[in-house]
């Protein structure tokens, strides 16, 4: 699974990471990989090639929302209405 930052926005990086792993069933579909950029937050796109046996996904993360929520957990008294 690739998400956030480079993992979410760089088909080149995703392909480079998975390159040479076909023997383990990790095969990236070139067209699917290229199309899995700019997904709406919360969406996922499968980039595994049909001849691969390991699931490979790109997930559009909502990092800002997660960070804001975690900040409220640790600093609830510092937030003013």
C-alpha atoms as a PDB file:
ATOM      1  CA  UNK A   1       0.000   0.000   0.000  1.00  0.00           C
ATOM      2  CA  UNK A   2       1.264   3.438  -0.926  1.00  0.00           C
ATOM      3  CA  UNK A   3      -0.161   6.586   0.604  1.00  0.00           C
ATOM      4  CA  UNK A   4       0.703  10.147   1.455  1.00  0.00           C
ATOM      5  CA  UNK A   5       3.319  12.346  -0.161  1.00  0.00           C
ATOM      6  CA  UNK A   6       5.510  10.542  -2.668  1.00  0.00           C
ATOM      7  CA  UNK A   7       3.712   7.209  -2.332  1.00  0.00           C
ATOM      8  CA  UNK A   8       0.486   8.868  -3.350  1.00  0.00           C
ATOM      9  CA  UNK A   9       1.796  11.108  -6.108  1.00  0.00           C
ATOM     10  CA  UNK A  10       4.749   9.402  -7.823  1.00  0.00           C
ATOM     11  CA  UNK A  11       4.202   6.462 -10.155  1.00  0.00           C
ATOM     12  CA  UNK A  12       7.958   6.427 -10.776  1.00  0.00           C
ATOM     13  CA  UNK A  13       8.764   5.912  -7.066  1.00  0.00           C
ATOM     14  CA  UNK A  14       6.087   3.230  -6.671  1.00  0.00           C
ATOM     15  CA  UNK A  15       7.421   1.364  -9.684  1.00  0.00           C
ATOM     16  CA  UNK A  16      11.027   1.702  -8.477  1.00  0.00           C
ATOM     17  CA  UNK A  17      10.141   0.287  -5.054  1.00  0.00           C
ATOM     18  CA  UNK A  18       8.356  -2.724  -6.538  1.00  0.00           C
ATOM     19  CA  UNK A  19      10.831  -3.347  -9.349  1.00  0.00           C
ATOM     20  CA  UNK A  20      12.518  -6.731  -9.155  1.00  0.00           C
ATOM     21  CA  UNK A  21       9.835  -8.222  -6.914  1.00  0.00           C
ATOM     22  CA  UNK A  22       7.908 -10.159  -9.572  1.00  0.00           C
ATOM     23  CA  UNK A  23       9.251 -13.407  -8.136  1.00  0.00           C
ATOM     24  CA  UNK A  24       7.309 -12.568  -4.967  1.00  0.00           C
ATOM     25  CA  UNK A  25       4.129 -11.787  -6.921  1.00  0.00           C
ATOM     26  CA  UNK A  26       4.563  -8.008  -6.754  1.00  0.00           C
ATOM     27  CA  UNK A  27       3.906  -6.741 -10.282  1.00  0.00           C
ATOM     28  CA  UNK A  28       2.868  -3.135 -10.969  1.00  0.00           C
ATOM     29  CA  UNK A  29       0.507  -2.455 -13.869  1.00  0.00           C
ATOM     30  CA  UNK A  30       1.978   0.482 -15.788  1.00  0.00           C
ATOM     31  CA  UNK A  31      -1.335   2.012 -16.876  1.00  0.00           C
ATOM     32  CA  UNK A  32      -2.979   1.519 -13.491  1.00  0.00           C
ATOM     33  CA  UNK A  33       0.055   2.989 -11.730  1.00  0.00           C
ATOM     34  CA  UNK A  34       0.069   6.054 -13.996  1.00  0.00           C
ATOM     35  CA  UNK A  35      -3.679   6.579 -13.470  1.00  0.00           C
ATOM     36  CA  UNK A  36      -3.489   6.366  -9.658  1.00  0.00           C
ATOM     37  CA  UNK A  37      -2.466  10.007  -9.149  1.00  0.00           C
ATOM     38  CA  UNK A  38      -4.709  12.725  -7.763  1.00  0.00           C
ATOM     39  CA  UNK A  39      -7.222  10.379  -6.164  1.00  0.00           C
ATOM     40  CA  UNK A  40      -9.825  12.066  -3.951  1.00  0.00           C
ATOM     41  CA  UNK A  41      -9.126  11.736  -0.187  1.00  0.00           C
ATOM     42  CA  UNK A  42     -10.203   8.356   1.128  1.00  0.00           C
ATOM     43  CA  UNK A  43     -10.158   6.721  -2.316  1.00  0.00           C
ATOM     44  CA  UNK A  44      -7.923   3.803  -3.240  1.00  0.00           C
ATOM     45  CA  UNK A  45      -6.705   2.595  -6.602  1.00  0.00           C
ATOM     46  CA  UNK A  46      -5.375  -0.864  -7.374  1.00  0.00           C
ATOM     47  CA  UNK A  47      -2.098  -0.745  -9.289  1.00  0.00           C
ATOM     48  CA  UNK A  48      -1.308  -4.470  -9.337  1.00  0.00           C
ATOM     49  CA  UNK A  49      -0.930  -5.964 -12.806  1.00  0.00           C
ATOM     50  CA  UNK A  50      -3.282  -8.791 -13.737  1.00  0.00           C
ATOM     51  CA  UNK A  51      -0.422 -11.279 -13.622  1.00  0.00           C
ATOM     52  CA  UNK A  52       0.633 -10.232 -10.101  1.00  0.00           C
ATOM     53  CA  UNK A  53      -0.545 -12.177  -7.072  1.00  0.00           C
ATOM     54  CA  UNK A  54       0.051  -9.548  -4.361  1.00  0.00           C
ATOM     55  CA  UNK A  55      -2.429  -6.706  -3.922  1.00  0.00           C
ATOM     56  CA  UNK A  56      -0.885  -3.276  -4.462  1.00  0.00           C
ATOM     57  CA  UNK A  57      -2.914  -0.137  -3.766  1.00  0.00           C
ATOM     58  CA  UNK A  58      -2.481   3.615  -3.710  1.00  0.00           C
ATOM     59  CA  UNK A  59      -4.575   5.252  -0.981  1.00  0.00           C
ATOM     60  CA  UNK A  60      -5.241   8.971  -0.913  1.00  0.00           C
ATOM     61  CA  UNK A  61      -4.605   9.967   2.679  1.00  0.00           C
ATOM     62  CA  UNK A  62      -6.129  12.866   4.578  1.00  0.00           C
ATOM     63  CA  UNK A  63      -3.020  13.582   6.593  1.00  0.00           C
ATOM     64  CA  UNK A  64      -4.012  17.103   7.596  1.00  0.00           C
ATOM     65  CA  UNK A  65      -7.297  15.922   9.097  1.00  0.00           C
ATOM     66  CA  UNK A  66      -5.552  13.106  10.974  1.00  0.00           C
ATOM     67  CA  UNK A  67      -2.878  15.444  12.362  1.00  0.00           C
ATOM     68  CA  UNK A  68      -5.527  17.949  13.474  1.00  0.00           C
ATOM     69  CA  UNK A  69      -7.483  15.222  15.270  1.00  0.00           C
ATOM     70  CA  UNK A  70      -4.397  13.883  17.030  1.00  0.00           C
ATOM     71  CA  UNK A  71      -3.444  17.408  18.085  1.00  0.00           C
ATOM     72  CA  UNK A  72      -6.832  17.815  19.748  1.00  0.00           C
ATOM     73  CA  UNK A  73      -6.282  14.562  21.643  1.00  0.00           C
ATOM     74  CA  UNK A  74      -3.007  15.781  23.128  1.00  0.00           C
ATOM     75  CA  UNK A  75      -3.832  19.477  23.547  1.00  0.00           C
ATOM     76  CA  UNK A  76      -7.610  19.745  24.095  1.00  0.00           C
ATOM     77  CA  UNK A  77      -7.384  22.631  26.581  1.00  0.00           C
ATOM     78  CA  UNK A  78      -5.414  24.812  24.160  1.00  0.00           C
ATOM     79  CA  UNK A  79      -8.228  24.883  21.579  1.00  0.00           C
ATOM     80  CA  UNK A  80     -10.548  27.860  22.020  1.00  0.00           C
ATOM     81  CA  UNK A  81     -13.980  28.230  20.443  1.00  0.00           C
END
